[in-house]
Amino acid sequence: MLGAPAARLRASGRSARAAAACAAFAVVSALAAAPAGAHAAPRVERLCSPHVQLRDHPRGVVIGHLYAPQRVTVTWTDATTHWWRIRTRADVIGWIPPQTGC
């Protein structure tokens, strides 16, 4: 028969293993639920196309217009379509095709 301290040690070892398993599951679940994309540090790009349509999502509804040589901050690149999620100096967020940048 185990004494009380030994029983607590065994129980705490099981709870530590269970906590580690839960943490690993949470990390894997978060990675699986993340949108497909290549997230890197935000970077500033200059637009070279004379007229760019800013959209609510890749191939979505036009929400604004941008013009060269405006600078935008690229915050995300979609891994599938390679569109850029950008933020303008006026803090408007939208999507543009990457061919519009220099």
PDB file of N, CA and C in Angstrom:
ATOM      1  N   MET A   1       0.836  -1.171   0.000  1.00  0.00           N
ATOM      2  CA  MET A   1       0.000   0.000   0.000  1.00  0.00           C
ATOM      3  C   MET A   1       0.880   1.233   0.000  1.00  0.00           C
ATOM      4  N   LEU A   2       0.528   2.217  -0.794  1.00  0.00           N
ATOM      5  CA  LEU A   2       1.293   3.444  -0.876  1.00  0.00           C
ATOM      6  C   LEU A   2       0.870   4.393   0.225  1.00  0.00           C
ATOM      7  N   GLY A   3       1.860   5.130   0.745  1.00  0.00           N
ATOM      8  CA  GLY A   3       1.530   6.156   1.718  1.00  0.00           C
ATOM      9  C   GLY A   3       0.928   7.364   1.012  1.00  0.00           C
ATOM     10  N   ALA A   4       0.411   8.291   1.761  1.00  0.00           N
ATOM     11  CA  ALA A   4      -0.253   9.471   1.208  1.00  0.00           C
ATOM     12  C   ALA A   4       0.682  10.293   0.325  1.00  0.00           C
ATOM     13  N   PRO A   5       1.962  10.565   0.739  1.00  0.00           N
ATOM     14  CA  PRO A   5       2.843  11.356  -0.144  1.00  0.00           C
ATOM     15  C   PRO A   5       3.135  10.642  -1.460  1.00  0.00           C
ATOM     16  N   ALA A   6       3.339   9.333  -1.424  1.00  0.00           N
ATOM     17  CA  ALA A   6       3.625   8.594  -2.648  1.00  0.00           C
ATOM     18  C   ALA A   6       2.408   8.592  -3.570  1.00  0.00           C
ATOM     19  N   ALA A   7       1.221   8.466  -3.017  1.00  0.00           N
ATOM     20  CA  ALA A   7       0.002   8.484  -3.824  1.00  0.00           C
ATOM     21  C   ALA A   7      -0.172   9.842  -4.492  1.00  0.00           C
ATOM     22  N   ARG A   8       0.127  10.933  -3.760  1.00  0.00           N
ATOM     23  CA  ARG A   8       0.016  12.265  -4.349  1.00  0.00           C
ATOM     24  C   ARG A   8       1.028  12.443  -5.480  1.00  0.00           C
ATOM     25  N   LEU A   9       2.236  11.909  -5.311  1.00  0.00           N
ATOM     26  CA  LEU A   9       3.252  12.013  -6.372  1.00  0.00           C
ATOM     27  C   LEU A   9       2.790  11.296  -7.627  1.00  0.00           C
ATOM     28  N   ARG A  10       2.221  10.102  -7.463  1.00  0.00           N
ATOM     29  CA  ARG A  10       1.738   9.369  -8.637  1.00  0.00           C
ATOM     30  C   ARG A  10       0.600  10.125  -9.291  1.00  0.00           C
ATOM     31  N   ALA A  11      -0.311  10.669  -8.516  1.00  0.00           N
ATOM     32  CA  ALA A  11      -1.444  11.418  -9.068  1.00  0.00           C
ATOM     33  C   ALA A  11      -0.960  12.678  -9.764  1.00  0.00           C
ATOM     34  N   SER A  12       0.016  13.367  -9.184  1.00  0.00           N
ATOM     35  CA  SER A  12       0.513  14.592  -9.820  1.00  0.00           C
ATOM     36  C   SER A  12       1.263  14.265 -11.101  1.00  0.00           C
ATOM     37  N   GLY A  13       1.914  13.114 -11.172  1.00  0.00           N
ATOM     38  CA  GLY A  13       2.592  12.705 -12.399  1.00  0.00           C
ATOM     39  C   GLY A  13       1.600  12.460 -13.521  1.00  0.00           C
ATOM     40  N   ARG A  14       0.474  11.852 -13.188  1.00  0.00           N
ATOM     41  CA  ARG A  14      -0.563  11.634 -14.185  1.00  0.00           C
ATOM     42  C   ARG A  14      -1.171  12.951 -14.647  1.00  0.00           C
ATOM     43  N   SER A  15      -1.418  13.866 -13.724  1.00  0.00           N
ATOM     44  CA  SER A  15      -2.015  15.140 -14.119  1.00  0.00           C
ATOM     45  C   SER A  15      -1.028  15.965 -14.948  1.00  0.00           C
ATOM     46  N   ALA A  16       0.253  15.852 -14.672  1.00  0.00           N
ATOM     47  CA  ALA A  16       1.246  16.569 -15.483  1.00  0.00           C
ATOM     48  C   ALA A  16       1.284  15.996 -16.898  1.00  0.00           C
ATOM     49  N   ARG A  17       1.210  14.667 -17.010  1.00  0.00           N
ATOM     50  CA  ARG A  17       1.183  14.051 -18.342  1.00  0.00           C
ATOM     51  C   ARG A  17      -0.090  14.439 -19.080  1.00  0.00           C
ATOM     52  N   ALA A  18      -1.214  14.457 -18.373  1.00  0.00           N
ATOM     53  CA  ALA A  18      -2.481  14.845 -18.999  1.00  0.00           C
ATOM     54  C   ALA A  18      -2.432  16.304 -19.442  1.00  0.00           C
ATOM     55  N   ALA A  19      -1.850  17.174 -18.617  1.00  0.00           N
ATOM     56  CA  ALA A  19      -1.733  18.589 -18.981  1.00  0.00           C
ATOM     57  C   ALA A  19      -0.835  18.750 -20.203  1.00  0.00           C
ATOM     58  N   ALA A  20       0.250  18.000 -20.263  1.00  0.00           N
ATOM     59  CA  ALA A  20       1.150  18.077 -21.423  1.00  0.00           C
ATOM     60  C   ALA A  20       0.451  17.579 -22.681  1.00  0.00           C
ATOM     61  N   ALA A  21      -0.329  16.519 -22.557  1.00  0.00           N
ATOM     62  CA  ALA A  21      -1.069  16.001 -23.712  1.00  0.00           C
ATOM     63  C   ALA A  21      -2.108  17.011 -24.181  1.00  0.00           C
ATOM     64  N   CYS A  22      -2.787  17.657 -23.231  1.00  0.00           N
ATOM     65  CA  CYS A  22      -3.781  18.677 -23.599  1.00  0.00           C
ATOM     66  C   CYS A  22      -3.118  19.856 -24.295  1.00  0.00           C
ATOM     67  N   ALA A  23      -1.958  20.275 -23.786  1.00  0.00           N
ATOM     68  CA  ALA A  23      -1.249  21.396 -24.402  1.00  0.00           C
ATOM     69  C   ALA A  23      -0.803  21.038 -25.814  1.00  0.00           C
ATOM     70  N   ALA A  24      -0.293  19.841 -26.009  1.00  0.00           N
ATOM     71  CA  ALA A  24       0.129  19.415 -27.347  1.00  0.00           C
ATOM     72  C   ALA A  24      -1.060  19.360 -28.293  1.00  0.00           C
ATOM     73  N   PHE A  25      -2.195  18.860 -27.811  1.00  0.00           N
ATOM     74  CA  PHE A  25      -3.398  18.806 -28.635  1.00  0.00           C
ATOM     75  C   PHE A  25      -3.854  20.210 -29.022  1.00  0.00           C
ATOM     76  N   ALA A  26      -3.779  21.153 -28.079  1.00  0.00           N
ATOM     77  CA  ALA A  26      -4.189  22.536 -28.355  1.00  0.00           C
ATOM     78  C   ALA A  26      -3.320  23.165 -29.427  1.00  0.00           C
ATOM     79  N   VAL A  27      -2.012  22.915 -29.371  1.00  0.00           N
ATOM     80  CA  VAL A  27      -1.097  23.469 -30.380  1.00  0.00           C
ATOM     81  C   VAL A  27      -1.399  22.879 -31.753  1.00  0.00           C
ATOM     82  N   VAL A  28      -1.562  21.580 -31.825  1.00  0.00           N
ATOM     83  CA  VAL A  28      -1.845  20.925 -33.106  1.00  0.00           C
ATOM     84  C   VAL A  28      -3.182  21.401 -33.659  1.00  0.00           C
ATOM     85  N   SER A  29      -4.182  21.542 -32.794  1.00  0.00           N
ATOM     86  CA  SER A  29      -5.496  22.012 -33.238  1.00  0.00           C
ATOM     87  C   SER A  29      -5.424  23.437 -33.765  1.00  0.00           C
ATOM     88  N   ALA A  30      -4.666  24.286 -33.090  1.00  0.00           N
ATOM     89  CA  ALA A  30      -4.535  25.677 -33.530  1.00  0.00           C
ATOM     90  C   ALA A  30      -3.842  25.750 -34.883  1.00  0.00           C
ATOM     91  N   LEU A  31      -2.827  24.933 -35.089  1.00  0.00           N
ATOM     92  CA  LEU A  31      -2.129  24.936 -36.379  1.00  0.00           C
ATOM     93  C   LEU A  31      -3.025  24.416 -37.493  1.00  0.00           C
ATOM     94  N   ALA A  32      -3.826  23.419 -37.193  1.00  0.00           N
ATOM     95  CA  ALA A  32      -4.717  22.859 -38.208  1.00  0.00           C
ATOM     96  C   ALA A  32      -5.837  23.841 -38.559  1.00  0.00           C
ATOM     97  N   ALA A  33      -6.252  24.651 -37.609  1.00  0.00           N
ATOM     98  CA  ALA A  33      -7.349  25.583 -37.847  1.00  0.00           C
ATOM     99  C   ALA A  33      -6.880  26.890 -38.475  1.00  0.00           C
ATOM    100  N   ALA A  34      -5.584  27.132 -38.499  1.00  0.00           N
ATOM    101  CA  ALA A  34      -5.069  28.384 -39.059  1.00  0.00           C
ATOM    102  C   ALA A  34      -5.341  28.428 -40.555  1.00  0.00           C
ATOM    103  N   PRO A  35      -5.637  29.620 -41.102  1.00  0.00           N
ATOM    104  CA  PRO A  35      -5.870  29.716 -42.541  1.00  0.00           C
ATOM    105  C   PRO A  35      -4.603  29.423 -43.323  1.00  0.00           C
ATOM    106  N   ALA A  36      -4.784  28.879 -44.525  1.00  0.00           N
ATOM    107  CA  ALA A  36      -3.621  28.592 -45.360  1.00  0.00           C
ATOM    108  C   ALA A  36      -2.988  29.900 -45.768  1.00  0.00           C
ATOM    109  N   GLY A  37      -1.767  30.088 -45.429  1.00  0.00           N
ATOM    110  CA  GLY A  37      -1.097  31.332 -45.769  1.00  0.00           C
ATOM    111  C   GLY A  37       0.326  31.333 -45.279  1.00  0.00           C
ATOM    112  N   ALA A  38       1.060  32.249 -45.780  1.00  0.00           N
ATOM    113  CA  ALA A  38       2.443  32.402 -45.369  1.00  0.00           C
ATOM    114  C   ALA A  38       2.534  33.691 -44.581  1.00  0.00           C
ATOM    115  N   HIS A  39       2.583  33.567 -43.266  1.00  0.00           N
ATOM    116  CA  HIS A  39       2.626  34.752 -42.434  1.00  0.00           C
ATOM    117  C   HIS A  39       4.079  35.079 -42.129  1.00  0.00           C
ATOM    118  N   ALA A  40       4.465  36.253 -42.450  1.00  0.00           N
ATOM    119  CA  ALA A  40       5.801  36.721 -42.134  1.00  0.00           C
ATOM    120  C   ALA A  40       5.657  38.088 -41.485  1.00  0.00           C
ATOM    121  N   ALA A  41       6.771  38.662 -41.112  1.00  0.00           N
ATOM    122  CA  ALA A  41       6.726  40.004 -40.532  1.00  0.00           C
ATOM    123  C   ALA A  41       6.141  40.968 -41.563  1.00  0.00           C
ATOM    124  N   PRO A  42       5.299  41.902 -41.125  1.00  0.00           N
ATOM    125  CA  PRO A  42       4.743  42.874 -42.074  1.00  0.00           C
ATOM    126  C   PRO A  42       5.861  43.620 -42.796  1.00  0.00           C
ATOM    127  N   ARG A  43       5.623  43.898 -44.071  1.00  0.00           N
ATOM    128  CA  ARG A  43       6.629  44.602 -44.867  1.00  0.00           C
ATOM    129  C   ARG A  43       5.939  45.650 -45.719  1.00  0.00           C
ATOM    130  N   VAL A  44       6.659  46.692 -46.050  1.00  0.00           N
ATOM    131  CA  VAL A  44       6.109  47.771 -46.863  1.00  0.00           C
ATOM    132  C   VAL A  44       6.453  47.505 -48.329  1.00  0.00           C
ATOM    133  N   GLU A  45       5.450  47.618 -49.187  1.00  0.00           N
ATOM    134  CA  GLU A  45       5.617  47.447 -50.633  1.00  0.00           C
ATOM    135  C   GLU A  45       5.091  48.694 -51.340  1.00  0.00           C
ATOM    136  N   ARG A  46       5.702  49.019 -52.460  1.00  0.00           N
ATOM    137  CA  ARG A  46       5.241  50.136 -53.292  1.00  0.00           C
ATOM    138  C   ARG A  46       4.439  49.572 -54.444  1.00  0.00           C
ATOM    139  N   LEU A  47       3.302  50.200 -54.746  1.00  0.00           N
ATOM    140  CA  LEU A  47       2.475  49.760 -55.869  1.00  0.00           C
ATOM    141  C   LEU A  47       3.040  50.325 -57.163  1.00  0.00           C
ATOM    142  N   CYS A  48       3.151  49.490 -58.187  1.00  0.00           N
ATOM    143  CA  CYS A  48       3.636  49.923 -59.498  1.00  0.00           C
ATOM    144  C   CYS A  48       2.526  49.985 -60.538  1.00  0.00           C
ATOM    145  N   SER A  49       1.459  49.235 -60.320  1.00  0.00           N
ATOM    146  CA  SER A  49       0.325  49.303 -61.247  1.00  0.00           C
ATOM    147  C   SER A  49      -0.354  50.660 -61.080  1.00  0.00           C
ATOM    148  N   PRO A  50      -0.750  51.292 -62.190  1.00  0.00           N
ATOM    149  CA  PRO A  50      -1.346  52.620 -62.083  1.00  0.00           C
ATOM    150  C   PRO A  50      -2.649  52.639 -61.291  1.00  0.00           C
ATOM    151  N   HIS A  51      -3.432  51.551 -61.345  1.00  0.00           N
ATOM    152  CA  HIS A  51      -4.714  51.484 -60.647  1.00  0.00           C
ATOM    153  C   HIS A  51      -4.886  50.080 -60.085  1.00  0.00           C
ATOM    154  N   VAL A  52      -5.151  49.978 -58.785  1.00  0.00           N
ATOM    155  CA  VAL A  52      -5.308  48.683 -58.122  1.00  0.00           C
ATOM    156  C   VAL A  52      -6.647  48.672 -57.390  1.00  0.00           C
ATOM    157  N   GLN A  53      -7.392  47.599 -57.562  1.00  0.00           N
ATOM    158  CA  GLN A  53      -8.656  47.450 -56.844  1.00  0.00           C
ATOM    159  C   GLN A  53      -8.394  46.732 -55.522  1.00  0.00           C
ATOM    160  N   LEU A  54      -8.787  47.370 -54.439  1.00  0.00           N
ATOM    161  CA  LEU A  54      -8.673  46.791 -53.110  1.00  0.00           C
ATOM    162  C   LEU A  54      -9.951  45.989 -52.853  1.00  0.00           C
ATOM    163  N   ARG A  55      -9.789  44.722 -52.451  1.00  0.00           N
ATOM    164  CA  ARG A  55     -10.942  43.825 -52.295  1.00  0.00           C
ATOM    165  C   ARG A  55     -11.092  43.361 -50.850  1.00  0.00           C
ATOM    166  N   ASP A  56     -12.306  42.918 -50.509  1.00  0.00           N
ATOM    167  CA  ASP A  56     -12.559  42.470 -49.138  1.00  0.00           C
ATOM    168  C   ASP A  56     -11.921  41.116 -48.835  1.00  0.00           C
ATOM    169  N   HIS A  57     -11.685  40.314 -49.847  1.00  0.00           N
ATOM    170  CA  HIS A  57     -10.928  39.063 -49.737  1.00  0.00           C
ATOM    171  C   HIS A  57     -10.464  38.704 -51.148  1.00  0.00           C
ATOM    172  N   PRO A  58      -9.531  37.751 -51.303  1.00  0.00           N
ATOM    173  CA  PRO A  58      -9.065  37.431 -52.655  1.00  0.00           C
ATOM    174  C   PRO A  58     -10.234  37.161 -53.601  1.00  0.00           C
ATOM    175  N   ARG A  59     -10.232  37.831 -54.726  1.00  0.00           N
ATOM    176  CA  ARG A  59     -11.265  37.731 -55.757  1.00  0.00           C
ATOM    177  C   ARG A  59     -12.644  38.155 -55.244  1.00  0.00           C
ATOM    178  N   GLY A  60     -12.677  38.970 -54.184  1.00  0.00           N
ATOM    179  CA  GLY A  60     -13.940  39.380 -53.581  1.00  0.00           C
ATOM    180  C   GLY A  60     -14.454  40.699 -54.133  1.00  0.00           C
ATOM    181  N   VAL A  61     -15.275  41.349 -53.357  1.00  0.00           N
ATOM    182  CA  VAL A  61     -15.914  42.609 -53.720  1.00  0.00           C
ATOM    183  C   VAL A  61     -14.911  43.752 -53.593  1.00  0.00           C
ATOM    184  N   VAL A  62     -14.946  44.675 -54.563  1.00  0.00           N
ATOM    185  CA  VAL A  62     -14.058  45.838 -54.531  1.00  0.00           C
ATOM    186  C   VAL A  62     -14.530  46.780 -53.423  1.00  0.00           C
ATOM    187  N   ILE A  63     -13.599  47.140 -52.526  1.00  0.00           N
ATOM    188  CA  ILE A  63     -13.934  48.042 -51.422  1.00  0.00           C
ATOM    189  C   ILE A  63     -13.195  49.371 -51.515  1.00  0.00           C
ATOM    190  N   GLY A  64     -12.288  49.493 -52.496  1.00  0.00           N
ATOM    191  CA  GLY A  64     -11.538  50.736 -52.639  1.00  0.00           C
ATOM    192  C   GLY A  64     -10.598  50.671 -53.825  1.00  0.00           C
ATOM    193  N   HIS A  65      -9.909  51.778 -54.049  1.00  0.00           N
ATOM    194  CA  HIS A  65      -8.965  51.869 -55.162  1.00  0.00           C
ATOM    195  C   HIS A  65      -7.654  52.450 -54.655  1.00  0.00           C
ATOM    196  N   LEU A  66      -6.560  51.908 -55.164  1.00  0.00           N
ATOM    197  CA  LEU A  66      -5.226  52.382 -54.815  1.00  0.00           C
ATOM    198  C   LEU A  66      -4.512  52.774 -56.105  1.00  0.00           C
ATOM    199  N   TYR A  67      -3.536  53.660 -55.978  1.00  0.00           N
ATOM    200  CA  TYR A  67      -2.835  54.153 -57.159  1.00  0.00           C
ATOM    201  C   TYR A  67      -1.330  54.183 -56.904  1.00  0.00           C
ATOM    202  N   ALA A  68      -0.555  53.911 -57.968  1.00  0.00           N
ATOM    203  CA  ALA A  68       0.902  53.979 -57.879  1.00  0.00           C
ATOM    204  C   ALA A  68       1.296  55.433 -57.694  1.00  0.00           C
ATOM    205  N   PRO A  69       2.323  55.714 -56.988  1.00  0.00           N
ATOM    206  CA  PRO A  69       3.291  54.866 -56.273  1.00  0.00           C
ATOM    207  C   PRO A  69       2.975  54.704 -54.790  1.00  0.00           C
ATOM    208  N   GLN A  70       1.718  54.510 -54.449  1.00  0.00           N
ATOM    209  CA  GLN A  70       1.318  54.383 -53.046  1.00  0.00           C
ATOM    210  C   GLN A  70       2.049  53.229 -52.379  1.00  0.00           C
ATOM    211  N   ARG A  71       2.365  53.405 -51.106  1.00  0.00           N
ATOM    212  CA  ARG A  71       2.993  52.346 -50.309  1.00  0.00           C
ATOM    213  C   ARG A  71       1.946  51.728 -49.398  1.00  0.00           C
ATOM    214  N   VAL A  72       2.010  50.400 -49.268  1.00  0.00           N
ATOM    215  CA  VAL A  72       1.088  49.655 -48.409  1.00  0.00           C
ATOM    216  C   VAL A  72       1.903  48.685 -47.555  1.00  0.00           C
ATOM    217  N   THR A  73       1.343  48.274 -46.444  1.00  0.00           N
ATOM    218  CA  THR A  73       1.986  47.278 -45.589  1.00  0.00           C
ATOM    219  C   THR A  73       1.349  45.923 -45.861  1.00  0.00           C
ATOM    220  N   VAL A  74       2.153  44.965 -46.292  1.00  0.00           N
ATOM    221  CA  VAL A  74       1.675  43.600 -46.551  1.00  0.00           C
ATOM    222  C   VAL A  74       1.706  42.859 -45.211  1.00  0.00           C
ATOM    223  N   THR A  75       0.526  42.411 -44.745  1.00  0.00           N
ATOM    224  CA  THR A  75       0.431  41.734 -43.456  1.00  0.00           C
ATOM    225  C   THR A  75       0.271  40.224 -43.577  1.00  0.00           C
ATOM    226  N   TRP A  76      -0.090  39.732 -44.763  1.00  0.00           N
ATOM    227  CA  TRP A  76      -0.307  38.289 -44.970  1.00  0.00           C
ATOM    228  C   TRP A  76      -0.228  37.991 -46.452  1.00  0.00           C
ATOM    229  N   THR A  77       0.272  36.823 -46.801  1.00  0.00           N
ATOM    230  CA  THR A  77       0.261  36.347 -48.179  1.00  0.00           C
ATOM    231  C   THR A  77      -0.476  35.023 -48.213  1.00  0.00           C
ATOM    232  N   ASP A  78      -1.536  34.941 -49.006  1.00  0.00           N
ATOM    233  CA  ASP A  78      -2.303  33.709 -49.112  1.00  0.00           C
ATOM    234  C   ASP A  78      -1.464  32.662 -49.837  1.00  0.00           C
ATOM    235  N   ALA A  79      -1.287  31.487 -49.230  1.00  0.00           N
ATOM    236  CA  ALA A  79      -0.424  30.451 -49.789  1.00  0.00           C
ATOM    237  C   ALA A  79      -0.994  29.839 -51.062  1.00  0.00           C
ATOM    238  N   THR A  80      -2.313  29.842 -51.213  1.00  0.00           N
ATOM    239  CA  THR A  80      -2.932  29.218 -52.371  1.00  0.00           C
ATOM    240  C   THR A  80      -2.969  30.157 -53.571  1.00  0.00           C
ATOM    241  N   THR A  81      -3.472  31.353 -53.358  1.00  0.00           N
ATOM    242  CA  THR A  81      -3.654  32.295 -54.470  1.00  0.00           C
ATOM    243  C   THR A  81      -2.546  33.333 -54.557  1.00  0.00           C
ATOM    244  N   HIS A  82      -1.751  33.432 -53.490  1.00  0.00           N
ATOM    245  CA  HIS A  82      -0.640  34.381 -53.406  1.00  0.00           C
ATOM    246  C   HIS A  82      -1.091  35.838 -53.354  1.00  0.00           C
ATOM    247  N   TRP A  83      -2.341  36.085 -53.066  1.00  0.00           N
ATOM    248  CA  TRP A  83      -2.810  37.464 -52.882  1.00  0.00           C
ATOM    249  C   TRP A  83      -2.206  38.010 -51.592  1.00  0.00           C
ATOM    250  N   TRP A  84      -2.091  39.324 -51.531  1.00  0.00           N
ATOM    251  CA  TRP A  84      -1.570  39.995 -50.344  1.00  0.00           C
ATOM    252  C   TRP A  84      -2.714  40.614 -49.558  1.00  0.00           C
ATOM    253  N   ARG A  85      -2.729  40.383 -48.252  1.00  0.00           N
ATOM    254  CA  ARG A  85      -3.608  41.164 -47.377  1.00  0.00           C
ATOM    255  C   ARG A  85      -2.789  42.382 -46.960  1.00  0.00           C
ATOM    256  N   ILE A  86      -3.321  43.561 -47.184  1.00  0.00           N
ATOM    257  CA  ILE A  86      -2.548  44.775 -46.953  1.00  0.00           C
ATOM    258  C   ILE A  86      -3.306  45.728 -46.031  1.00  0.00           C
ATOM    259  N   ARG A  87      -2.537  46.665 -45.507  1.00  0.00           N
ATOM    260  CA  ARG A  87      -3.092  47.767 -44.719  1.00  0.00           C
ATOM    261  C   ARG A  87      -2.550  49.054 -45.322  1.00  0.00           C
ATOM    262  N   THR A  88      -3.435  49.992 -45.585  1.00  0.00           N
ATOM    263  CA  THR A  88      -3.015  51.274 -46.149  1.00  0.00           C
ATOM    264  C   THR A  88      -2.597  52.213 -45.018  1.00  0.00           C
ATOM    265  N   ARG A  89      -2.060  53.368 -45.394  1.00  0.00           N
ATOM    266  CA  ARG A  89      -1.681  54.356 -44.382  1.00  0.00           C
ATOM    267  C   ARG A  89      -2.899  54.879 -43.637  1.00  0.00           C
ATOM    268  N   ALA A  90      -4.083  54.784 -44.244  1.00  0.00           N
ATOM    269  CA  ALA A  90      -5.334  55.202 -43.602  1.00  0.00           C
ATOM    270  C   ALA A  90      -5.950  54.066 -42.769  1.00  0.00           C
ATOM    271  N   ASP A  91      -5.199  52.983 -42.561  1.00  0.00           N
ATOM    272  CA  ASP A  91      -5.628  51.808 -41.793  1.00  0.00           C
ATOM    273  C   ASP A  91      -6.805  51.065 -42.408  1.00  0.00           C
ATOM    274  N   VAL A  92      -6.926  51.108 -43.736  1.00  0.00           N
ATOM    275  CA  VAL A  92      -7.925  50.304 -44.440  1.00  0.00           C
ATOM    276  C   VAL A  92      -7.261  48.966 -44.762  1.00  0.00           C
ATOM    277  N   ILE A  93      -7.946  47.870 -44.451  1.00  0.00           N
ATOM    278  CA  ILE A  93      -7.394  46.534 -44.679  1.00  0.00           C
ATOM    279  C   ILE A  93      -8.159  45.880 -45.818  1.00  0.00           C
ATOM    280  N   GLY A  94      -7.430  45.253 -46.733  1.00  0.00           N
ATOM    281  CA  GLY A  94      -8.038  44.562 -47.858  1.00  0.00           C
ATOM    282  C   GLY A  94      -7.023  43.672 -48.547  1.00  0.00           C
ATOM    283  N   TRP A  95      -7.406  43.155 -49.709  1.00  0.00           N
ATOM    284  CA  TRP A  95      -6.570  42.216 -50.467  1.00  0.00           C
ATOM    285  C   TRP A  95      -6.282  42.773 -51.855  1.00  0.00           C
ATOM    286  N   ILE A  96      -5.040  42.550 -52.317  1.00  0.00           N
ATOM    287  CA  ILE A  96      -4.644  42.923 -53.684  1.00  0.00           C
ATOM    288  C   ILE A  96      -3.814  41.792 -54.274  1.00  0.00           C
ATOM    289  N   PRO A  97      -3.834  41.649 -55.607  1.00  0.00           N
ATOM    290  CA  PRO A  97      -2.956  40.639 -56.222  1.00  0.00           C
ATOM    291  C   PRO A  97      -1.504  41.110 -56.135  1.00  0.00           C
ATOM    292  N   PRO A  98      -0.571  40.200 -55.932  1.00  0.00           N
ATOM    293  CA  PRO A  98       0.826  40.587 -55.739  1.00  0.00           C
ATOM    294  C   PRO A  98       1.482  41.180 -56.990  1.00  0.00           C
ATOM    295  N   GLN A  99       0.902  40.944 -58.170  1.00  0.00           N
ATOM    296  CA  GLN A  99       1.489  41.476 -59.393  1.00  0.00           C
ATOM    297  C   GLN A  99       1.458  43.009 -59.399  1.00  0.00           C
ATOM    298  N   THR A 100       0.690  43.610 -58.507  1.00  0.00           N
ATOM    299  CA  THR A 100       0.543  45.064 -58.478  1.00  0.00           C
ATOM    300  C   THR A 100       1.720  45.748 -57.780  1.00  0.00           C
ATOM    301  N   GLY A 101       2.477  44.986 -57.008  1.00  0.00           N
ATOM    302  CA  GLY A 101       3.631  45.553 -56.314  1.00  0.00           C
ATOM    303  C   GLY A 101       4.883  45.539 -57.169  1.00  0.00           C
ATOM    304  N   CYS A 102       5.859  46.294 -56.737  1.00  0.00           N
ATOM    305  CA  CYS A 102       7.123  46.359 -57.501  1.00  0.00           C
ATOM    306  C   CYS A 102       8.059  45.243 -57.085  1.00  0.00           C
TER     307      CYS A 102
END
